[in-house]
Amino acid sequence: MHIQIGRFETPHASRYLQQLCKHFAHKVEVDYTSTEGRAALPPGPATLEANEAGLTVRLSAKDDAGMGHARAIIDLHLKKFAFRENFEEMVWEPMVQTA
């Protein structure tokens, strides 16, 4: 399983978390509050966390193609929602897994 963490520094993290989750809920199972969310995206689950410093998204996918698709889902939607902040894409980092 591939796991990556994305970060978007913004004072509006809670708003974006809720917008993403409400939007995704039209197609997939979603559970969220103003500070935490989980969406069953097709490539794999996404967990979202908002705090005063920004939005963090943790993605899981079976392979590189799935991870690319999952990142694109998040980045494309955030680009629409955060256009006032000139959002382009999250900073994605692979998560090191231990045995």
PDB file of N, CA and C in Angstrom:
ATOM      1  N   MET A   1       0.848  -1.179   0.000  1.00  0.00           N
ATOM      2  CA  MET A   1       0.000   0.000   0.000  1.00  0.00           C
ATOM      3  C   MET A   1       0.891   1.239   0.000  1.00  0.00           C
ATOM      4  N   HIS A   2       0.589   2.170  -0.888  1.00  0.00           N
ATOM      5  CA  HIS A   2       1.308   3.436  -0.977  1.00  0.00           C
ATOM      6  C   HIS A   2       0.568   4.471  -0.131  1.00  0.00           C
ATOM      7  N   ILE A   3       1.332   5.261   0.603  1.00  0.00           N
ATOM      8  CA  ILE A   3       0.748   6.306   1.440  1.00  0.00           C
ATOM      9  C   ILE A   3       1.515   7.599   1.195  1.00  0.00           C
ATOM     10  N   GLN A   4       0.778   8.688   1.007  1.00  0.00           N
ATOM     11  CA  GLN A   4       1.397  10.001   0.880  1.00  0.00           C
ATOM     12  C   GLN A   4       0.621  11.007   1.717  1.00  0.00           C
ATOM     13  N   ILE A   5       1.363  12.007   2.179  1.00  0.00           N
ATOM     14  CA  ILE A   5       0.805  13.092   2.977  1.00  0.00           C
ATOM     15  C   ILE A   5       0.950  14.388   2.183  1.00  0.00           C
ATOM     16  N   GLY A   6      -0.151  15.136   2.087  1.00  0.00           N
ATOM     17  CA  GLY A   6      -0.126  16.426   1.415  1.00  0.00           C
ATOM     18  C   GLY A   6      -0.440  17.528   2.405  1.00  0.00           C
ATOM     19  N   ARG A   7       0.148  18.693   2.163  1.00  0.00           N
ATOM     20  CA  ARG A   7      -0.042  19.825   3.076  1.00  0.00           C
ATOM     21  C   ARG A   7      -0.307  21.091   2.276  1.00  0.00           C
ATOM     22  N   PHE A   8      -1.300  21.862   2.737  1.00  0.00           N
ATOM     23  CA  PHE A   8      -1.633  23.163   2.157  1.00  0.00           C
ATOM     24  C   PHE A   8      -1.728  24.150   3.307  1.00  0.00           C
ATOM     25  N   GLU A   9      -0.774  25.057   3.382  1.00  0.00           N
ATOM     26  CA  GLU A   9      -0.757  26.075   4.433  1.00  0.00           C
ATOM     27  C   GLU A   9      -1.798  27.134   4.096  1.00  0.00           C
ATOM     28  N   THR A  10      -2.829  27.235   4.940  1.00  0.00           N
ATOM     29  CA  THR A  10      -3.914  28.182   4.712  1.00  0.00           C
ATOM     30  C   THR A  10      -4.672  28.420   6.019  1.00  0.00           C
ATOM     31  N   PRO A  11      -5.131  29.634   6.245  1.00  0.00           N
ATOM     32  CA  PRO A  11      -5.962  29.887   7.428  1.00  0.00           C
ATOM     33  C   PRO A  11      -7.403  29.404   7.234  1.00  0.00           C
ATOM     34  N   HIS A  12      -7.736  28.912   6.038  1.00  0.00           N
ATOM     35  CA  HIS A  12      -9.097  28.483   5.721  1.00  0.00           C
ATOM     36  C   HIS A  12      -9.211  26.962   5.607  1.00  0.00           C
ATOM     37  N   ALA A  13      -8.365  26.243   6.307  1.00  0.00           N
ATOM     38  CA  ALA A  13      -8.310  24.783   6.191  1.00  0.00           C
ATOM     39  C   ALA A  13      -9.639  24.111   6.516  1.00  0.00           C
ATOM     40  N   SER A  14     -10.301  24.541   7.568  1.00  0.00           N
ATOM     41  CA  SER A  14     -11.569  23.931   7.949  1.00  0.00           C
ATOM     42  C   SER A  14     -12.616  24.102   6.845  1.00  0.00           C
ATOM     43  N   ARG A  15     -12.672  25.268   6.261  1.00  0.00           N
ATOM     44  CA  ARG A  15     -13.619  25.525   5.174  1.00  0.00           C
ATOM     45  C   ARG A  15     -13.361  24.561   4.006  1.00  0.00           C
ATOM     46  N   TYR A  16     -12.088  24.419   3.620  1.00  0.00           N
ATOM     47  CA  TYR A  16     -11.767  23.552   2.484  1.00  0.00           C
ATOM     48  C   TYR A  16     -12.025  22.082   2.808  1.00  0.00           C
ATOM     49  N   LEU A  17     -11.714  21.674   4.025  1.00  0.00           N
ATOM     50  CA  LEU A  17     -11.992  20.295   4.439  1.00  0.00           C
ATOM     51  C   LEU A  17     -13.483  20.009   4.281  1.00  0.00           C
ATOM     52  N   GLN A  18     -14.308  20.908   4.774  1.00  0.00           N
ATOM     53  CA  GLN A  18     -15.750  20.707   4.707  1.00  0.00           C
ATOM     54  C   GLN A  18     -16.272  20.762   3.265  1.00  0.00           C
ATOM     55  N   GLN A  19     -15.724  21.659   2.454  1.00  0.00           N
ATOM     56  CA  GLN A  19     -16.133  21.722   1.051  1.00  0.00           C
ATOM     57  C   GLN A  19     -15.777  20.429   0.327  1.00  0.00           C
ATOM     58  N   LEU A  20     -14.555  19.947   0.529  1.00  0.00           N
ATOM     59  CA  LEU A  20     -14.140  18.701  -0.105  1.00  0.00           C
ATOM     60  C   LEU A  20     -15.051  17.556   0.309  1.00  0.00           C
ATOM     61  N   CYS A  21     -15.276  17.421   1.595  1.00  0.00           N
ATOM     62  CA  CYS A  21     -16.079  16.301   2.091  1.00  0.00           C
ATOM     63  C   CYS A  21     -17.523  16.385   1.605  1.00  0.00           C
ATOM     64  N   LYS A  22     -18.118  17.570   1.631  1.00  0.00           N
ATOM     65  CA  LYS A  22     -19.493  17.720   1.136  1.00  0.00           C
ATOM     66  C   LYS A  22     -19.576  17.356  -0.348  1.00  0.00           C
ATOM     67  N   HIS A  23     -18.582  17.781  -1.097  1.00  0.00           N
ATOM     68  CA  HIS A  23     -18.559  17.491  -2.531  1.00  0.00           C
ATOM     69  C   HIS A  23     -18.383  15.989  -2.781  1.00  0.00           C
ATOM     70  N   PHE A  24     -17.429  15.379  -2.095  1.00  0.00           N
ATOM     71  CA  PHE A  24     -17.178  13.948  -2.283  1.00  0.00           C
ATOM     72  C   PHE A  24     -18.372  13.101  -1.845  1.00  0.00           C
ATOM     73  N   ALA A  25     -19.147  13.590  -0.881  1.00  0.00           N
ATOM     74  CA  ALA A  25     -20.282  12.829  -0.352  1.00  0.00           C
ATOM     75  C   ALA A  25     -21.361  12.568  -1.408  1.00  0.00           C
ATOM     76  N   HIS A  26     -21.320  13.283  -2.517  1.00  0.00           N
ATOM     77  CA  HIS A  26     -22.275  13.035  -3.597  1.00  0.00           C
ATOM     78  C   HIS A  26     -21.980  11.711  -4.312  1.00  0.00           C
ATOM     79  N   LYS A  27     -20.724  11.218  -4.177  1.00  0.00           N
ATOM     80  CA  LYS A  27     -20.339  10.008  -4.911  1.00  0.00           C
ATOM     81  C   LYS A  27     -19.766   8.893  -4.052  1.00  0.00           C
ATOM     82  N   VAL A  28     -19.165   9.230  -2.911  1.00  0.00           N
ATOM     83  CA  VAL A  28     -18.521   8.209  -2.077  1.00  0.00           C
ATOM     84  C   VAL A  28     -18.911   8.401  -0.617  1.00  0.00           C
ATOM     85  N   GLU A  29     -18.627   7.399   0.177  1.00  0.00           N
ATOM     86  CA  GLU A  29     -18.901   7.474   1.613  1.00  0.00           C
ATOM     87  C   GLU A  29     -17.930   8.461   2.266  1.00  0.00           C
ATOM     88  N   VAL A  30     -18.503   9.357   3.071  1.00  0.00           N
ATOM     89  CA  VAL A  30     -17.723  10.420   3.718  1.00  0.00           C
ATOM     90  C   VAL A  30     -18.198  10.574   5.150  1.00  0.00           C
ATOM     91  N   ASP A  31     -17.256  10.896   6.029  1.00  0.00           N
ATOM     92  CA  ASP A  31     -17.564  11.211   7.422  1.00  0.00           C
ATOM     93  C   ASP A  31     -16.658  12.379   7.791  1.00  0.00           C
ATOM     94  N   TYR A  32     -17.225  13.448   8.372  1.00  0.00           N
ATOM     95  CA  TYR A  32     -16.377  14.595   8.686  1.00  0.00           C
ATOM     96  C   TYR A  32     -16.958  15.480   9.777  1.00  0.00           C
ATOM     97  N   THR A  33     -16.055  16.258  10.375  1.00  0.00           N
ATOM     98  CA  THR A  33     -16.383  17.337  11.290  1.00  0.00           C
ATOM     99  C   THR A  33     -15.696  18.579  10.730  1.00  0.00           C
ATOM    100  N   SER A  34     -15.641  19.638  11.495  1.00  0.00           N
ATOM    101  CA  SER A  34     -14.969  20.847  11.010  1.00  0.00           C
ATOM    102  C   SER A  34     -13.449  20.712  11.019  1.00  0.00           C
ATOM    103  N   THR A  35     -12.916  19.699  11.718  1.00  0.00           N
ATOM    104  CA  THR A  35     -11.456  19.549  11.806  1.00  0.00           C
ATOM    105  C   THR A  35     -10.923  18.217  11.284  1.00  0.00           C
ATOM    106  N   GLU A  36     -11.792  17.236  11.052  1.00  0.00           N
ATOM    107  CA  GLU A  36     -11.342  15.929  10.585  1.00  0.00           C
ATOM    108  C   GLU A  36     -12.314  15.382   9.554  1.00  0.00           C
ATOM    109  N   GLY A  37     -11.772  14.645   8.588  1.00  0.00           N
ATOM    110  CA  GLY A  37     -12.638  14.042   7.596  1.00  0.00           C
ATOM    111  C   GLY A  37     -12.040  12.761   7.053  1.00  0.00           C
ATOM    112  N   ARG A  38     -12.913  11.935   6.498  1.00  0.00           N
ATOM    113  CA  ARG A  38     -12.499  10.694   5.854  1.00  0.00           C
ATOM    114  C   ARG A  38     -13.396  10.505   4.643  1.00  0.00           C
ATOM    115  N   ALA A  39     -12.771  10.222   3.486  1.00  0.00           N
ATOM    116  CA  ALA A  39     -13.518   9.995   2.250  1.00  0.00           C
ATOM    117  C   ALA A  39     -13.015   8.713   1.601  1.00  0.00           C
ATOM    118  N   ALA A  40     -13.940   7.874   1.183  1.00  0.00           N
ATOM    119  CA  ALA A  40     -13.605   6.607   0.533  1.00  0.00           C
ATOM    120  C   ALA A  40     -13.424   6.853  -0.967  1.00  0.00           C
ATOM    121  N   LEU A  41     -12.317   7.496  -1.340  1.00  0.00           N
ATOM    122  CA  LEU A  41     -12.057   7.785  -2.746  1.00  0.00           C
ATOM    123  C   LEU A  41     -11.819   6.481  -3.509  1.00  0.00           C
ATOM    124  N   PRO A  42     -12.119   6.446  -4.802  1.00  0.00           N
ATOM    125  CA  PRO A  42     -11.935   5.213  -5.575  1.00  0.00           C
ATOM    126  C   PRO A  42     -10.526   4.614  -5.509  1.00  0.00           C
ATOM    127  N   PRO A  43      -9.450   5.418  -5.556  1.00  0.00           N
ATOM    128  CA  PRO A  43      -8.118   4.808  -5.484  1.00  0.00           C
ATOM    129  C   PRO A  43      -7.757   4.295  -4.085  1.00  0.00           C
ATOM    130  N   GLY A  44      -8.418   4.820  -3.059  1.00  0.00           N
ATOM    131  CA  GLY A  44      -8.130   4.452  -1.677  1.00  0.00           C
ATOM    132  C   GLY A  44      -8.598   5.538  -0.739  1.00  0.00           C
ATOM    133  N   PRO A  45      -8.623   5.246   0.562  1.00  0.00           N
ATOM    134  CA  PRO A  45      -9.146   6.219   1.519  1.00  0.00           C
ATOM    135  C   PRO A  45      -8.276   7.466   1.658  1.00  0.00           C
ATOM    136  N   ALA A  46      -8.960   8.568   1.926  1.00  0.00           N
ATOM    137  CA  ALA A  46      -8.295   9.841   2.218  1.00  0.00           C
ATOM    138  C   ALA A  46      -8.739  10.291   3.596  1.00  0.00           C
ATOM    139  N   THR A  47      -7.788  10.698   4.425  1.00  0.00           N
ATOM    140  CA  THR A  47      -8.121  11.305   5.707  1.00  0.00           C
ATOM    141  C   THR A  47      -7.634  12.751   5.667  1.00  0.00           C
ATOM    142  N   LEU A  48      -8.452  13.633   6.178  1.00  0.00           N
ATOM    143  CA  LEU A  48      -8.164  15.065   6.139  1.00  0.00           C
ATOM    144  C   LEU A  48      -8.154  15.619   7.551  1.00  0.00           C
ATOM    145  N   GLU A  49      -7.256  16.552   7.793  1.00  0.00           N
ATOM    146  CA  GLU A  49      -7.178  17.212   9.094  1.00  0.00           C
ATOM    147  C   GLU A  49      -6.938  18.700   8.881  1.00  0.00           C
ATOM    148  N   ALA A  50      -7.746  19.512   9.551  1.00  0.00           N
ATOM    149  CA  ALA A  50      -7.625  20.965   9.462  1.00  0.00           C
ATOM    150  C   ALA A  50      -7.246  21.528  10.821  1.00  0.00           C
ATOM    151  N   ASN A  51      -6.310  22.460  10.808  1.00  0.00           N
ATOM    152  CA  ASN A  51      -5.985  23.215  12.010  1.00  0.00           C
ATOM    153  C   ASN A  51      -5.722  24.658  11.597  1.00  0.00           C
ATOM    154  N   GLU A  52      -5.340  25.493  12.545  1.00  0.00           N
ATOM    155  CA  GLU A  52      -5.162  26.917  12.248  1.00  0.00           C
ATOM    156  C   GLU A  52      -4.038  27.187  11.252  1.00  0.00           C
ATOM    157  N   ALA A  53      -3.113  26.233  11.070  1.00  0.00           N
ATOM    158  CA  ALA A  53      -1.988  26.423  10.159  1.00  0.00           C
ATOM    159  C   ALA A  53      -2.256  25.913   8.747  1.00  0.00           C
ATOM    160  N   GLY A  54      -3.187  24.961   8.596  1.00  0.00           N
ATOM    161  CA  GLY A  54      -3.423  24.456   7.253  1.00  0.00           C
ATOM    162  C   GLY A  54      -4.180  23.149   7.209  1.00  0.00           C
ATOM    163  N   LEU A  55      -4.234  22.604   6.006  1.00  0.00           N
ATOM    164  CA  LEU A  55      -4.943  21.362   5.720  1.00  0.00           C
ATOM    165  C   LEU A  55      -3.932  20.269   5.413  1.00  0.00           C
ATOM    166  N   THR A  56      -4.088  19.121   6.061  1.00  0.00           N
ATOM    167  CA  THR A  56      -3.247  17.959   5.805  1.00  0.00           C
ATOM    168  C   THR A  56      -4.139  16.837   5.287  1.00  0.00           C
ATOM    169  N   VAL A  57      -3.699  16.183   4.210  1.00  0.00           N
ATOM    170  CA  VAL A  57      -4.443  15.075   3.622  1.00  0.00           C
ATOM    171  C   VAL A  57      -3.523  13.863   3.553  1.00  0.00           C
ATOM    172  N   ARG A  58      -4.004  12.733   4.033  1.00  0.00           N
ATOM    173  CA  ARG A  58      -3.266  11.468   3.977  1.00  0.00           C
ATOM    174  C   ARG A  58      -3.999  10.555   3.004  1.00  0.00           C
ATOM    175  N   LEU A  59      -3.293  10.149   1.951  1.00  0.00           N
ATOM    176  CA  LEU A  59      -3.872   9.300   0.916  1.00  0.00           C
ATOM    177  C   LEU A  59      -3.273   7.910   0.955  1.00  0.00           C
ATOM    178  N   SER A  60      -4.080   6.918   0.650  1.00  0.00           N
ATOM    179  CA  SER A  60      -3.619   5.540   0.505  1.00  0.00           C
ATOM    180  C   SER A  60      -4.080   5.037  -0.853  1.00  0.00           C
ATOM    181  N   ALA A  61      -3.216   4.270  -1.516  1.00  0.00           N
ATOM    182  CA  ALA A  61      -3.565   3.678  -2.805  1.00  0.00           C
ATOM    183  C   ALA A  61      -2.751   2.402  -2.998  1.00  0.00           C
ATOM    184  N   LYS A  62      -3.238   1.521  -3.856  1.00  0.00           N
ATOM    185  CA  LYS A  62      -2.580   0.238  -4.082  1.00  0.00           C
ATOM    186  C   LYS A  62      -1.285   0.356  -4.869  1.00  0.00           C
ATOM    187  N   ASP A  63      -1.212   1.366  -5.768  1.00  0.00           N
ATOM    188  CA  ASP A  63      -0.041   1.467  -6.637  1.00  0.00           C
ATOM    189  C   ASP A  63       0.203   2.931  -7.017  1.00  0.00           C
ATOM    190  N   ASP A  64       1.265   3.170  -7.808  1.00  0.00           N
ATOM    191  CA  ASP A  64       1.619   4.533  -8.208  1.00  0.00           C
ATOM    192  C   ASP A  64       0.515   5.197  -9.028  1.00  0.00           C
ATOM    193  N   ALA A  65      -0.112   4.425  -9.910  1.00  0.00           N
ATOM    194  CA  ALA A  65      -1.186   4.992 -10.736  1.00  0.00           C
ATOM    195  C   ALA A  65      -2.352   5.440  -9.857  1.00  0.00           C
ATOM    196  N   GLY A  66      -2.721   4.614  -8.894  1.00  0.00           N
ATOM    197  CA  GLY A  66      -3.793   4.975  -7.975  1.00  0.00           C
ATOM    198  C   GLY A  66      -3.441   6.200  -7.148  1.00  0.00           C
ATOM    199  N   MET A  67      -2.174   6.287  -6.731  1.00  0.00           N
ATOM    200  CA  MET A  67      -1.740   7.444  -5.947  1.00  0.00           C
ATOM    201  C   MET A  67      -1.797   8.711  -6.789  1.00  0.00           C
ATOM    202  N   GLY A  68      -1.382   8.618  -8.030  1.00  0.00           N
ATOM    203  CA  GLY A  68      -1.461   9.780  -8.917  1.00  0.00           C
ATOM    204  C   GLY A  68      -2.901  10.235  -9.104  1.00  0.00           C
ATOM    205  N   HIS A  69      -3.807   9.280  -9.243  1.00  0.00           N
ATOM    206  CA  HIS A  69      -5.228   9.595  -9.397  1.00  0.00           C
ATOM    207  C   HIS A  69      -5.766  10.250  -8.126  1.00  0.00           C
ATOM    208  N   ALA A  70      -5.421   9.702  -6.966  1.00  0.00           N
ATOM    209  CA  ALA A  70      -5.888  10.257  -5.690  1.00  0.00           C
ATOM    210  C   ALA A  70      -5.375  11.684  -5.490  1.00  0.00           C
ATOM    211  N   ARG A  71      -4.092  11.902  -5.769  1.00  0.00           N
ATOM    212  CA  ARG A  71      -3.534  13.260  -5.652  1.00  0.00           C
ATOM    213  C   ARG A  71      -4.258  14.223  -6.588  1.00  0.00           C
ATOM    214  N   ALA A  72      -4.526  13.774  -7.812  1.00  0.00           N
ATOM    215  CA  ALA A  72      -5.209  14.628  -8.789  1.00  0.00           C
ATOM    216  C   ALA A  72      -6.614  14.985  -8.312  1.00  0.00           C
ATOM    217  N   ILE A  73      -7.311  14.029  -7.712  1.00  0.00           N
ATOM    218  CA  ILE A  73      -8.658  14.302  -7.192  1.00  0.00           C
ATOM    219  C   ILE A  73      -8.601  15.437  -6.170  1.00  0.00           C
ATOM    220  N   ILE A  74      -7.693  15.336  -5.216  1.00  0.00           N
ATOM    221  CA  ILE A  74      -7.583  16.365  -4.173  1.00  0.00           C
ATOM    222  C   ILE A  74      -7.129  17.690  -4.771  1.00  0.00           C
ATOM    223  N   ASP A  75      -6.055  17.663  -5.561  1.00  0.00           N
ATOM    224  CA  ASP A  75      -5.509  18.910  -6.101  1.00  0.00           C
ATOM    225  C   ASP A  75      -6.491  19.630  -7.021  1.00  0.00           C
ATOM    226  N   LEU A  76      -7.170  18.897  -7.896  1.00  0.00           N
ATOM    227  CA  LEU A  76      -8.112  19.540  -8.824  1.00  0.00           C
ATOM    228  C   LEU A  76      -9.288  20.184  -8.097  1.00  0.00           C
ATOM    229  N   HIS A  77      -9.784  19.498  -7.068  1.00  0.00           N
ATOM    230  CA  HIS A  77     -10.908  20.080  -6.323  1.00  0.00           C
ATOM    231  C   HIS A  77     -10.459  21.276  -5.490  1.00  0.00           C
ATOM    232  N   LEU A  78      -9.308  21.167  -4.851  1.00  0.00           N
ATOM    233  CA  LEU A  78      -8.818  22.307  -4.075  1.00  0.00           C
ATOM    234  C   LEU A  78      -8.509  23.502  -4.976  1.00  0.00           C
ATOM    235  N   LYS A  79      -8.063  23.233  -6.185  1.00  0.00           N
ATOM    236  CA  LYS A  79      -7.781  24.336  -7.112  1.00  0.00           C
ATOM    237  C   LYS A  79      -9.058  25.129  -7.388  1.00  0.00           C
ATOM    238  N   LYS A  80     -10.186  24.443  -7.460  1.00  0.00           N
ATOM    239  CA  LYS A  80     -11.475  25.118  -7.660  1.00  0.00           C
ATOM    240  C   LYS A  80     -11.906  25.863  -6.403  1.00  0.00           C
ATOM    241  N   PHE A  81     -11.772  25.212  -5.240  1.00  0.00           N
ATOM    242  CA  PHE A  81     -12.258  25.793  -3.992  1.00  0.00           C
ATOM    243  C   PHE A  81     -11.354  26.911  -3.469  1.00  0.00           C
ATOM    244  N   ALA A  82     -10.048  26.799  -3.681  1.00  0.00           N
ATOM    245  CA  ALA A  82      -9.087  27.758  -3.123  1.00  0.00           C
ATOM    246  C   ALA A  82      -8.517  28.690  -4.187  1.00  0.00           C
ATOM    247  N   PHE A  83      -9.309  28.988  -5.196  1.00  0.00           N
ATOM    248  CA  PHE A  83      -8.813  29.827  -6.287  1.00  0.00           C
ATOM    249  C   PHE A  83      -8.402  31.225  -5.817  1.00  0.00           C
ATOM    250  N   ARG A  84      -9.048  31.727  -4.757  1.00  0.00           N
ATOM    251  CA  ARG A  84      -8.684  33.056  -4.244  1.00  0.00           C
ATOM    252  C   ARG A  84      -7.279  33.084  -3.653  1.00  0.00           C
ATOM    253  N   GLU A  85      -6.780  31.912  -3.289  1.00  0.00           N
ATOM    254  CA  GLU A  85      -5.438  31.809  -2.715  1.00  0.00           C
ATOM    255  C   GLU A  85      -4.414  31.369  -3.764  1.00  0.00           C
ATOM    256  N   ASN A  86      -4.843  31.337  -5.022  1.00  0.00           N
ATOM    257  CA  ASN A  86      -3.968  30.915  -6.113  1.00  0.00           C
ATOM    258  C   ASN A  86      -3.372  29.529  -5.879  1.00  0.00           C
ATOM    259  N   PHE A  87      -4.187  28.637  -5.330  1.00  0.00           N
ATOM    260  CA  PHE A  87      -3.741  27.266  -5.079  1.00  0.00           C
ATOM    261  C   PHE A  87      -3.434  26.572  -6.400  1.00  0.00           C
ATOM    262  N   GLU A  88      -2.314  25.839  -6.436  1.00  0.00           N
ATOM    263  CA  GLU A  88      -1.949  25.042  -7.604  1.00  0.00           C
ATOM    264  C   GLU A  88      -1.968  23.557  -7.279  1.00  0.00           C
ATOM    265  N   GLU A  89      -1.240  23.164  -6.235  1.00  0.00           N
ATOM    266  CA  GLU A  89      -1.234  21.766  -5.795  1.00  0.00           C
ATOM    267  C   GLU A  89      -0.641  21.672  -4.400  1.00  0.00           C
ATOM    268  N   MET A  90      -1.011  20.602  -3.715  1.00  0.00           N
ATOM    269  CA  MET A  90      -0.471  20.367  -2.379  1.00  0.00           C
ATOM    270  C   MET A  90       0.995  19.948  -2.494  1.00  0.00           C
ATOM    271  N   VAL A  91       1.709  20.111  -1.416  1.00  0.00           N
ATOM    272  CA  VAL A  91       3.062  19.580  -1.324  1.00  0.00           C
ATOM    273  C   VAL A  91       2.914  18.140  -0.837  1.00  0.00           C
ATOM    274  N   TRP A  92       3.204  17.161  -1.703  1.00  0.00           N
ATOM    275  CA  TRP A  92       3.012  15.736  -1.382  1.00  0.00           C
ATOM    276  C   TRP A  92       4.342  15.102  -1.012  1.00  0.00           C
ATOM    277  N   GLU A  93       4.322  14.361   0.074  1.00  0.00           N
ATOM    278  CA  GLU A  93       5.503  13.651   0.554  1.00  0.00           C
ATOM    279  C   GLU A  93       5.129  12.194   0.795  1.00  0.00           C
ATOM    280  N   PRO A  94       5.993  11.263   0.373  1.00  0.00           N
ATOM    281  CA  PRO A  94       5.718   9.851   0.694  1.00  0.00           C
ATOM    282  C   PRO A  94       5.861   9.620   2.192  1.00  0.00           C
ATOM    283  N   MET A  95       5.060   8.761   2.731  1.00  0.00           N
ATOM    284  CA  MET A  95       5.148   8.411   4.143  1.00  0.00           C
ATOM    285  C   MET A  95       5.996   7.148   4.259  1.00  0.00           C
ATOM    286  N   VAL A  96       7.006   7.190   5.093  1.00  0.00           N
ATOM    287  CA  VAL A  96       7.880   6.042   5.290  1.00  0.00           C
ATOM    288  C   VAL A  96       7.157   5.019   6.148  1.00  0.00           C
ATOM    289  N   GLN A  97       7.081   3.808   5.628  1.00  0.00           N
ATOM    290  CA  GLN A  97       6.418   2.736   6.363  1.00  0.00           C
ATOM    291  C   GLN A  97       7.473   1.870   7.066  1.00  0.00           C
ATOM    292  N   THR A  98       7.149   1.475   8.274  1.00  0.00           N
ATOM    293  CA  THR A  98       8.035   0.587   9.008  1.00  0.00           C
ATOM    294  C   THR A  98       7.417  -0.796   9.048  1.00  0.00           C
ATOM    295  N   ALA A  99       8.248  -1.786   9.174  1.00  0.00           N
ATOM    296  CA  ALA A  99       7.759  -3.179   9.158  1.00  0.00           C
ATOM    297  C   ALA A  99       7.077  -3.544  10.451  1.00  0.00           C
TER     298      ALA A  99
END
